[in-house]
Amino acid sequence: MKLVGRSALPAYQVIGFLGLFIAGFLVSYTLARRDTSSLWPQRPRRQLLRSSLDLINNLCVVVALRHVPLTLFAILVFLCPGVITILAAIFLHGHPGARKSMAIAIGFAGVVIAVNPFGSSRQGDWIGYAACLTCVACFSVNMVWSRVLTRTETPESLTIFSGVVMAVAGFGGMLWHMEPLTASLLMALLAMGAFGAAGSICFFIALRHTTAANVSQYHYTQLVTGAIVSFLVFHELPTFWMVLGGSLIIASGLYVAYLASRAA
């Protein structure tokens, strides 16, 4: 997505093709399994609300990756596990407890340290930071809401509904303006669709079998993979403050996961 974002394609065009290819891969997947009935939603209105949040989230991801390094983006979106734990406690009647609350606070402090907002080594700009915070808000609410929807909806229907909403919104924007696609951009968009479809199915399967707070902890692996990919592809090195803040975030997340597994 960051590679595609470096092109002149508008964010809505990227999202439109992403949604189209996600839907296409899902249809192929269900046809291969001979289980197309799993694509149909049981609660279309609820799915539309969740998919709208997903649409805003993905649009903001495209914008954010144009304005902040990949490693810093991965760090910033790790406000999500703390926010999700808080939302789950409010709406899903969870009880984080004093130790988990302290760990979440340390994670929030790690994000501030990583951004280093008043330092000369700060990377990125405020457009990127604002887009990241919007991602955090939409993704966090989306995850808690998805936990509720997985009780009645299949992973396939949740994924394809989001894909269709993104495709409709993106191609609607393209009626106003669009940029020509090259072969390399088309291949990158196809890859985004394949990874997006596979990741979304696994995400919803995970939510069906455990809590939203537990699922969110596994996203911490993106800090490591994001830093490696950022260096290998974009030659971006994390700053000292990114490493320090990221370390606090990882420690916070692992401790929250430990508390959750022990409670289970």
C-alpha atoms as a PDB file:
ATOM      1  CA  MET A   1       0.000   0.000   0.000  1.00  0.00           C
ATOM      2  CA  LYS A   2       2.894   2.351   0.688  1.00  0.00           C
ATOM      3  CA  LEU A   3       4.426   1.518  -2.701  1.00  0.00           C
ATOM      4  CA  VAL A   4       1.129   2.250  -4.449  1.00  0.00           C
ATOM      5  CA  GLY A   5       0.701   5.374  -2.343  1.00  0.00           C
ATOM      6  CA  ARG A   6       3.905   6.817  -3.802  1.00  0.00           C
ATOM      7  CA  SER A   7       2.168   7.005  -7.183  1.00  0.00           C
ATOM      8  CA  ALA A   8      -0.228   9.701  -8.373  1.00  0.00           C
ATOM      9  CA  LEU A   9      -3.280   7.508  -7.763  1.00  0.00           C
ATOM     10  CA  PRO A  10      -5.892   9.226  -5.564  1.00  0.00           C
ATOM     11  CA  ALA A  11      -6.597   7.437  -2.280  1.00  0.00           C
ATOM     12  CA  TYR A  12     -10.166   6.608  -3.341  1.00  0.00           C
ATOM     13  CA  GLN A  13      -8.890   4.966  -6.542  1.00  0.00           C
ATOM     14  CA  VAL A  14      -6.514   2.782  -4.537  1.00  0.00           C
ATOM     15  CA  ILE A  15      -9.358   1.797  -2.207  1.00  0.00           C
ATOM     16  CA  GLY A  16     -11.740   1.152  -5.099  1.00  0.00           C
ATOM     17  CA  PHE A  17      -9.432  -1.376  -6.739  1.00  0.00           C
ATOM     18  CA  LEU A  18      -8.512  -2.861  -3.364  1.00  0.00           C
ATOM     19  CA  GLY A  19     -12.184  -3.491  -2.623  1.00  0.00           C
ATOM     20  CA  LEU A  20     -12.802  -4.889  -6.105  1.00  0.00           C
ATOM     21  CA  PHE A  21      -9.942  -7.369  -5.866  1.00  0.00           C
ATOM     22  CA  ILE A  22     -10.826  -8.385  -2.291  1.00  0.00           C
ATOM     23  CA  ALA A  23     -14.374  -9.147  -3.424  1.00  0.00           C
ATOM     24  CA  GLY A  24     -13.052 -11.012  -6.470  1.00  0.00           C
ATOM     25  CA  PHE A  25     -10.721 -13.182  -4.410  1.00  0.00           C
ATOM     26  CA  LEU A  26     -13.500 -13.929  -1.911  1.00  0.00           C
ATOM     27  CA  VAL A  27     -15.874 -15.058  -4.667  1.00  0.00           C
ATOM     28  CA  SER A  28     -13.153 -17.302  -6.119  1.00  0.00           C
ATOM     29  CA  TYR A  29     -12.424 -18.699  -2.652  1.00  0.00           C
ATOM     30  CA  THR A  30     -16.048 -19.573  -1.937  1.00  0.00           C
ATOM     31  CA  LEU A  31     -16.568 -21.034  -5.427  1.00  0.00           C
ATOM     32  CA  ALA A  32     -13.558 -23.302  -4.875  1.00  0.00           C
ATOM     33  CA  ARG A  33     -15.100 -24.416  -1.562  1.00  0.00           C
ATOM     34  CA  ARG A  34     -18.581 -24.654  -3.142  1.00  0.00           C
ATOM     35  CA  ASP A  35     -19.943 -22.564  -0.310  1.00  0.00           C
ATOM     36  CA  THR A  36     -21.210 -19.324  -1.840  1.00  0.00           C
ATOM     37  CA  SER A  37     -24.007 -19.156   0.765  1.00  0.00           C
ATOM     38  CA  SER A  38     -21.395 -17.966   3.295  1.00  0.00           C
ATOM     39  CA  LEU A  39     -21.107 -14.677   1.371  1.00  0.00           C
ATOM     40  CA  TRP A  40     -24.616 -13.490   2.228  1.00  0.00           C
ATOM     41  CA  PRO A  41     -24.996 -11.201   5.274  1.00  0.00           C
ATOM     42  CA  GLN A  42     -27.555 -11.871   8.010  1.00  0.00           C
ATOM     43  CA  ARG A  43     -27.608  -8.264   9.268  1.00  0.00           C
ATOM     44  CA  PRO A  44     -26.937  -5.980   6.253  1.00  0.00           C
ATOM     45  CA  ARG A  45     -27.442  -2.708   8.154  1.00  0.00           C
ATOM     46  CA  ARG A  46     -25.002  -3.662  10.872  1.00  0.00           C
ATOM     47  CA  GLN A  47     -22.525  -4.808   8.241  1.00  0.00           C
ATOM     48  CA  LEU A  48     -22.904  -1.503   6.395  1.00  0.00           C
ATOM     49  CA  LEU A  49     -21.955   0.403   9.552  1.00  0.00           C
ATOM     50  CA  ARG A  50     -18.900  -1.787  10.135  1.00  0.00           C
ATOM     51  CA  SER A  51     -17.872  -1.611   6.474  1.00  0.00           C
ATOM     52  CA  SER A  52     -18.140   2.203   6.503  1.00  0.00           C
ATOM     53  CA  LEU A  53     -15.676   2.294   9.394  1.00  0.00           C
ATOM     54  CA  ASP A  54     -13.436  -0.068   7.432  1.00  0.00           C
ATOM     55  CA  LEU A  55     -13.656   2.228   4.396  1.00  0.00           C
ATOM     56  CA  ILE A  56     -12.597   5.318   6.375  1.00  0.00           C
ATOM     57  CA  ASN A  57      -9.823   3.337   8.042  1.00  0.00           C
ATOM     58  CA  ASN A  58      -8.351   2.145   4.732  1.00  0.00           C
ATOM     59  CA  LEU A  59      -8.575   5.591   3.148  1.00  0.00           C
ATOM     60  CA  CYS A  60      -6.653   7.015   6.101  1.00  0.00           C
ATOM     61  CA  VAL A  61      -4.049   4.234   5.835  1.00  0.00           C
ATOM     62  CA  VAL A  62      -3.288   5.292   2.246  1.00  0.00           C
ATOM     63  CA  VAL A  63      -3.019   8.954   3.299  1.00  0.00           C
ATOM     64  CA  ALA A  64      -0.936   8.182   6.405  1.00  0.00           C
ATOM     65  CA  LEU A  65       1.592   6.048   4.530  1.00  0.00           C
ATOM     66  CA  ARG A  66       2.216   8.981   2.182  1.00  0.00           C
ATOM     67  CA  HIS A  67       3.170  11.228   5.101  1.00  0.00           C
ATOM     68  CA  VAL A  68       4.954   9.065   7.694  1.00  0.00           C
ATOM     69  CA  PRO A  69       7.628   6.330   7.504  1.00  0.00           C
ATOM     70  CA  LEU A  70       6.342   2.757   7.539  1.00  0.00           C
ATOM     71  CA  THR A  71       7.953   1.986  10.903  1.00  0.00           C
ATOM     72  CA  LEU A  72       6.446   5.073  12.550  1.00  0.00           C
ATOM     73  CA  PHE A  73       3.049   4.232  11.065  1.00  0.00           C
ATOM     74  CA  ALA A  74       3.220   0.760  12.623  1.00  0.00           C
ATOM     75  CA  ILE A  75       4.093   2.329  15.990  1.00  0.00           C
ATOM     76  CA  LEU A  76       1.328   4.936  15.859  1.00  0.00           C
ATOM     77  CA  VAL A  77      -1.427   2.461  15.065  1.00  0.00           C
ATOM     78  CA  PHE A  78      -0.471   0.543  18.197  1.00  0.00           C
ATOM     79  CA  LEU A  79      -2.622   2.872  20.147  1.00  0.00           C
ATOM     80  CA  CYS A  80      -5.284   0.408  18.931  1.00  0.00           C
ATOM     81  CA  PRO A  81      -4.786  -2.434  21.455  1.00  0.00           C
ATOM     82  CA  GLY A  82      -5.100  -0.046  24.388  1.00  0.00           C
ATOM     83  CA  VAL A  83      -8.144   1.674  22.911  1.00  0.00           C
ATOM     84  CA  ILE A  84      -9.704  -1.702  22.044  1.00  0.00           C
ATOM     85  CA  THR A  85      -9.189  -2.998  25.580  1.00  0.00           C
ATOM     86  CA  ILE A  86     -10.895   0.116  26.956  1.00  0.00           C
ATOM     87  CA  LEU A  87     -13.793  -0.158  24.466  1.00  0.00           C
ATOM     88  CA  ALA A  88     -14.161  -3.880  25.177  1.00  0.00           C
ATOM     89  CA  ALA A  89     -14.373  -3.110  28.891  1.00  0.00           C
ATOM     90  CA  ILE A  90     -17.129  -0.567  28.236  1.00  0.00           C
ATOM     91  CA  PHE A  91     -19.232  -2.346  25.605  1.00  0.00           C
ATOM     92  CA  LEU A  92     -18.384  -6.031  26.071  1.00  0.00           C
ATOM     93  CA  HIS A  93     -18.374  -5.875  29.880  1.00  0.00           C
ATOM     94  CA  GLY A  94     -14.702  -6.707  30.319  1.00  0.00           C
ATOM     95  CA  HIS A  95     -12.694  -5.646  33.374  1.00  0.00           C
ATOM     96  CA  PRO A  96      -9.117  -4.564  32.544  1.00  0.00           C
ATOM     97  CA  GLY A  97      -7.989  -4.240  36.174  1.00  0.00           C
ATOM     98  CA  ALA A  98      -5.265  -2.051  37.649  1.00  0.00           C
ATOM     99  CA  ARG A  99      -2.242  -3.893  36.182  1.00  0.00           C
ATOM    100  CA  LYS A 100      -3.678  -4.035  32.667  1.00  0.00           C
ATOM    101  CA  SER A 101      -4.662  -0.363  32.881  1.00  0.00           C
ATOM    102  CA  MET A 102      -1.106   0.534  33.911  1.00  0.00           C
ATOM    103  CA  ALA A 103       0.275  -1.471  30.979  1.00  0.00           C
ATOM    104  CA  ILE A 104      -2.055   0.361  28.582  1.00  0.00           C
ATOM    105  CA  ALA A 105      -0.887   3.727  29.968  1.00  0.00           C
ATOM    106  CA  ILE A 106       2.745   2.706  29.398  1.00  0.00           C
ATOM    107  CA  GLY A 107       1.833   1.750  25.821  1.00  0.00           C
ATOM    108  CA  PHE A 108       0.323   5.199  25.251  1.00  0.00           C
ATOM    109  CA  ALA A 109       3.497   6.784  26.652  1.00  0.00           C
ATOM    110  CA  GLY A 110       5.530   4.671  24.216  1.00  0.00           C
ATOM    111  CA  VAL A 111       3.587   6.126  21.275  1.00  0.00           C
ATOM    112  CA  VAL A 112       4.316   9.686  22.443  1.00  0.00           C
ATOM    113  CA  ILE A 113       8.011   8.882  22.877  1.00  0.00           C
ATOM    114  CA  ALA A 114       8.196   7.279  19.426  1.00  0.00           C
ATOM    115  CA  VAL A 115       6.650  10.308  17.720  1.00  0.00           C
ATOM    116  CA  ASN A 116       8.954  12.677  19.666  1.00  0.00           C
ATOM    117  CA  PRO A 117       6.593  15.555  18.774  1.00  0.00           C
ATOM    118  CA  PHE A 118       8.841  18.379  19.941  1.00  0.00           C
ATOM    119  CA  GLY A 119      12.210  16.955  18.906  1.00  0.00           C
ATOM    120  CA  SER A 120      14.332  17.788  15.883  1.00  0.00           C
ATOM    121  CA  SER A 121      14.414  14.121  14.843  1.00  0.00           C
ATOM    122  CA  ARG A 122      10.646  13.925  14.420  1.00  0.00           C
ATOM    123  CA  GLN A 123       9.692  12.228  11.148  1.00  0.00           C
ATOM    124  CA  GLY A 124       6.491  12.661   9.197  1.00  0.00           C
ATOM    125  CA  ASP A 125       3.994  15.525   9.380  1.00  0.00           C
ATOM    126  CA  TRP A 126       0.738  16.347  11.111  1.00  0.00           C
ATOM    127  CA  ILE A 127      -1.377  15.176   8.163  1.00  0.00           C
ATOM    128  CA  GLY A 128       0.107  11.725   8.614  1.00  0.00           C
ATOM    129  CA  TYR A 129      -0.384  11.835  12.394  1.00  0.00           C
ATOM    130  CA  ALA A 130      -4.024  12.913  12.023  1.00  0.00           C
ATOM    131  CA  ALA A 131      -4.665  10.127   9.506  1.00  0.00           C
ATOM    132  CA  CYS A 132      -3.075   7.599  11.870  1.00  0.00           C
ATOM    133  CA  LEU A 133      -5.261   8.727  14.773  1.00  0.00           C
ATOM    134  CA  THR A 134      -8.338   8.403  12.570  1.00  0.00           C
ATOM    135  CA  CYS A 135      -7.188   4.875  11.685  1.00  0.00           C
ATOM    136  CA  VAL A 136      -6.874   4.084  15.383  1.00  0.00           C
ATOM    137  CA  ALA A 137     -10.393   5.348  16.153  1.00  0.00           C
ATOM    138  CA  CYS A 138     -12.070   3.537  13.245  1.00  0.00           C
ATOM    139  CA  PHE A 139     -10.114   0.293  13.618  1.00  0.00           C
ATOM    140  CA  SER A 140     -10.680   0.094  17.375  1.00  0.00           C
ATOM    141  CA  VAL A 141     -14.445   0.583  17.144  1.00  0.00           C
ATOM    142  CA  ASN A 142     -14.503  -1.736  14.130  1.00  0.00           C
ATOM    143  CA  MET A 143     -12.765  -4.552  16.001  1.00  0.00           C
ATOM    144  CA  VAL A 144     -15.107  -4.396  18.998  1.00  0.00           C
ATOM    145  CA  TRP A 145     -18.149  -4.182  16.708  1.00  0.00           C
ATOM    146  CA  SER A 146     -16.811  -7.089  14.604  1.00  0.00           C
ATOM    147  CA  ARG A 147     -16.552  -9.189  17.747  1.00  0.00           C
ATOM    148  CA  VAL A 148     -20.326  -8.755  18.130  1.00  0.00           C
ATOM    149  CA  LEU A 149     -21.060  -9.424  14.442  1.00  0.00           C
ATOM    150  CA  THR A 150     -19.067 -12.672  14.315  1.00  0.00           C
ATOM    151  CA  ARG A 151     -21.815 -14.206  16.455  1.00  0.00           C
ATOM    152  CA  THR A 152     -24.200 -14.086  13.477  1.00  0.00           C
ATOM    153  CA  GLU A 153     -22.045 -13.390  10.393  1.00  0.00           C
ATOM    154  CA  THR A 154     -19.507 -15.556   8.577  1.00  0.00           C
ATOM    155  CA  PRO A 155     -15.922 -14.328   8.033  1.00  0.00           C
ATOM    156  CA  GLU A 156     -16.547 -14.484   4.274  1.00  0.00           C
ATOM    157  CA  SER A 157     -19.625 -12.246   4.408  1.00  0.00           C
ATOM    158  CA  LEU A 158     -17.885  -9.699   6.641  1.00  0.00           C
ATOM    159  CA  THR A 159     -14.896  -9.545   4.305  1.00  0.00           C
ATOM    160  CA  ILE A 160     -16.772  -9.342   1.014  1.00  0.00           C
ATOM    161  CA  PHE A 161     -19.195  -6.731   2.353  1.00  0.00           C
ATOM    162  CA  SER A 162     -16.258  -4.463   3.168  1.00  0.00           C
ATOM    163  CA  GLY A 163     -14.784  -5.118  -0.263  1.00  0.00           C
ATOM    164  CA  VAL A 164     -18.022  -4.206  -2.022  1.00  0.00           C
ATOM    165  CA  VAL A 165     -18.423  -0.992   0.013  1.00  0.00           C
ATOM    166  CA  MET A 166     -14.825   0.032  -0.761  1.00  0.00           C
ATOM    167  CA  ALA A 167     -15.309  -0.740  -4.465  1.00  0.00           C
ATOM    168  CA  VAL A 168     -18.552   1.255  -4.694  1.00  0.00           C
ATOM    169  CA  ALA A 169     -17.073   4.258  -2.851  1.00  0.00           C
ATOM    170  CA  GLY A 170     -13.777   4.146  -4.756  1.00  0.00           C
ATOM    171  CA  PHE A 171     -15.261   3.799  -8.223  1.00  0.00           C
ATOM    172  CA  GLY A 172     -17.809   6.458  -7.339  1.00  0.00           C
ATOM    173  CA  GLY A 173     -14.915   8.836  -6.696  1.00  0.00           C
ATOM    174  CA  MET A 174     -13.276   7.751  -9.954  1.00  0.00           C
ATOM    175  CA  LEU A 175     -16.293   9.051 -11.878  1.00  0.00           C
ATOM    176  CA  TRP A 176     -15.058  12.500 -10.852  1.00  0.00           C
ATOM    177  CA  HIS A 177     -11.324  11.942 -11.426  1.00  0.00           C
ATOM    178  CA  MET A 178      -8.950   9.022 -11.947  1.00  0.00           C
ATOM    179  CA  GLU A 179      -5.329   8.405 -12.944  1.00  0.00           C
ATOM    180  CA  PRO A 180      -4.229   5.835 -15.550  1.00  0.00           C
ATOM    181  CA  LEU A 181      -2.983   2.483 -14.247  1.00  0.00           C
ATOM    182  CA  THR A 182       0.366   0.985 -15.221  1.00  0.00           C
ATOM    183  CA  ALA A 183       1.031  -2.763 -15.283  1.00  0.00           C
ATOM    184  CA  SER A 184       3.192  -2.561 -12.135  1.00  0.00           C
ATOM    185  CA  LEU A 185       0.512  -0.625 -10.234  1.00  0.00           C
ATOM    186  CA  LEU A 186      -2.145  -3.118 -11.306  1.00  0.00           C
ATOM    187  CA  MET A 187      -0.013  -6.019 -10.036  1.00  0.00           C
ATOM    188  CA  ALA A 188       0.556  -4.200  -6.740  1.00  0.00           C
ATOM    189  CA  LEU A 189      -3.193  -3.623  -6.352  1.00  0.00           C
ATOM    190  CA  LEU A 190      -3.862  -7.300  -7.097  1.00  0.00           C
ATOM    191  CA  ALA A 191      -1.361  -8.277  -4.399  1.00  0.00           C
ATOM    192  CA  MET A 192      -3.036  -5.876  -1.957  1.00  0.00           C
ATOM    193  CA  GLY A 193      -6.383  -7.515  -2.698  1.00  0.00           C
ATOM    194  CA  ALA A 194      -5.019 -11.028  -2.153  1.00  0.00           C
ATOM    195  CA  PHE A 195      -3.316 -10.163   1.130  1.00  0.00           C
ATOM    196  CA  GLY A 196      -6.304  -8.091   2.257  1.00  0.00           C
ATOM    197  CA  ALA A 197      -8.775 -10.910   1.597  1.00  0.00           C
ATOM    198  CA  ALA A 198      -6.628 -13.573   3.301  1.00  0.00           C
ATOM    199  CA  GLY A 199      -5.829 -11.355   6.270  1.00  0.00           C
ATOM    200  CA  SER A 200      -9.449 -10.306   6.767  1.00  0.00           C
ATOM    201  CA  ILE A 201     -10.720 -13.896   6.770  1.00  0.00           C
ATOM    202  CA  CYS A 202      -8.100 -14.905   9.347  1.00  0.00           C
ATOM    203  CA  PHE A 203      -8.929 -11.807  11.408  1.00  0.00           C
ATOM    204  CA  PHE A 204     -12.640 -12.628  11.625  1.00  0.00           C
ATOM    205  CA  ILE A 205     -11.972 -16.316  12.328  1.00  0.00           C
ATOM    206  CA  ALA A 206      -9.724 -15.243  15.207  1.00  0.00           C
ATOM    207  CA  LEU A 207     -12.402 -12.903  16.576  1.00  0.00           C
ATOM    208  CA  ARG A 208     -14.892 -15.761  16.518  1.00  0.00           C
ATOM    209  CA  HIS A 209     -12.663 -17.906  18.752  1.00  0.00           C
ATOM    210  CA  THR A 210     -11.209 -15.391  21.220  1.00  0.00           C
ATOM    211  CA  THR A 211     -11.669 -11.856  22.555  1.00  0.00           C
ATOM    212  CA  ALA A 212     -11.040  -8.612  20.668  1.00  0.00           C
ATOM    213  CA  ALA A 213      -8.359  -7.645  23.219  1.00  0.00           C
ATOM    214  CA  ASN A 214      -6.468 -10.912  22.651  1.00  0.00           C
ATOM    215  CA  VAL A 215      -6.592 -10.626  18.854  1.00  0.00           C
ATOM    216  CA  SER A 216      -5.249  -7.088  18.962  1.00  0.00           C
ATOM    217  CA  GLN A 217      -2.062  -8.219  20.746  1.00  0.00           C
ATOM    218  CA  TYR A 218      -0.894 -10.194  17.707  1.00  0.00           C
ATOM    219  CA  HIS A 219      -0.717  -6.983  15.702  1.00  0.00           C
ATOM    220  CA  TYR A 220       2.468  -6.151  17.608  1.00  0.00           C
ATOM    221  CA  THR A 221       4.399  -8.394  15.208  1.00  0.00           C
ATOM    222  CA  GLN A 222       3.938  -5.585  12.657  1.00  0.00           C
ATOM    223  CA  LEU A 223       6.443  -3.480  14.598  1.00  0.00           C
ATOM    224  CA  VAL A 224       9.207  -5.947  13.744  1.00  0.00           C
ATOM    225  CA  THR A 225       8.108  -6.829  10.214  1.00  0.00           C
ATOM    226  CA  GLY A 226       7.310  -3.187   9.450  1.00  0.00           C
ATOM    227  CA  ALA A 227      10.796  -2.066  10.507  1.00  0.00           C
ATOM    228  CA  ILE A 228      12.453  -4.809   8.440  1.00  0.00           C
ATOM    229  CA  VAL A 229      10.399  -4.100   5.302  1.00  0.00           C
ATOM    230  CA  SER A 230      10.843  -0.348   5.757  1.00  0.00           C
ATOM    231  CA  PHE A 231      14.638  -0.776   5.794  1.00  0.00           C
ATOM    232  CA  LEU A 232      14.853  -3.315   2.951  1.00  0.00           C
ATOM    233  CA  VAL A 233      12.446  -1.567   0.567  1.00  0.00           C
ATOM    234  CA  PHE A 234      12.531   2.126   1.500  1.00  0.00           C
ATOM    235  CA  HIS A 235      15.939   2.328   3.270  1.00  0.00           C
ATOM    236  CA  GLU A 236      14.289   3.998   6.267  1.00  0.00           C
ATOM    237  CA  LEU A 237      16.021   3.542   9.612  1.00  0.00           C
ATOM    238  CA  PRO A 238      14.064   3.968  12.866  1.00  0.00           C
ATOM    239  CA  THR A 239      15.230   6.756  15.164  1.00  0.00           C
ATOM    240  CA  PHE A 240      16.367   6.168  18.750  1.00  0.00           C
ATOM    241  CA  TRP A 241      13.011   7.487  19.989  1.00  0.00           C
ATOM    242  CA  MET A 242      11.117   5.085  17.695  1.00  0.00           C
ATOM    243  CA  VAL A 243      13.097   2.141  19.091  1.00  0.00           C
ATOM    244  CA  LEU A 244      12.570   3.279  22.700  1.00  0.00           C
ATOM    245  CA  GLY A 245       8.864   3.966  22.237  1.00  0.00           C
ATOM    246  CA  GLY A 246       8.353   0.773  20.240  1.00  0.00           C
ATOM    247  CA  SER A 247      10.052  -1.247  22.984  1.00  0.00           C
ATOM    248  CA  LEU A 248       7.663   0.164  25.591  1.00  0.00           C
ATOM    249  CA  ILE A 249       4.703  -0.616  23.337  1.00  0.00           C
ATOM    250  CA  ILE A 250       5.829  -4.211  22.784  1.00  0.00           C
ATOM    251  CA  ALA A 251       6.491  -4.724  26.515  1.00  0.00           C
ATOM    252  CA  SER A 252       3.068  -3.280  27.336  1.00  0.00           C
ATOM    253  CA  GLY A 253       1.325  -5.466  24.768  1.00  0.00           C
ATOM    254  CA  LEU A 254       3.076  -8.654  25.821  1.00  0.00           C
ATOM    255  CA  TYR A 255       2.214  -8.015  29.459  1.00  0.00           C
ATOM    256  CA  VAL A 256      -1.454  -7.412  28.602  1.00  0.00           C
ATOM    257  CA  ALA A 257      -1.448 -10.642  26.546  1.00  0.00           C
ATOM    258  CA  TYR A 258       0.133 -12.492  29.493  1.00  0.00           C
ATOM    259  CA  LEU A 259      -2.543 -11.213  31.876  1.00  0.00           C
ATOM    260  CA  ALA A 260      -5.284 -12.194  29.401  1.00  0.00           C
ATOM    261  CA  SER A 261      -3.895 -15.718  28.894  1.00  0.00           C
ATOM    262  CA  ARG A 262      -3.508 -16.251  32.642  1.00  0.00           C
ATOM    263  CA  ALA A 263      -7.091 -15.112  33.235  1.00  0.00           C
ATOM    264  CA  ALA A 264      -8.280 -17.503  30.517  1.00  0.00           C
END
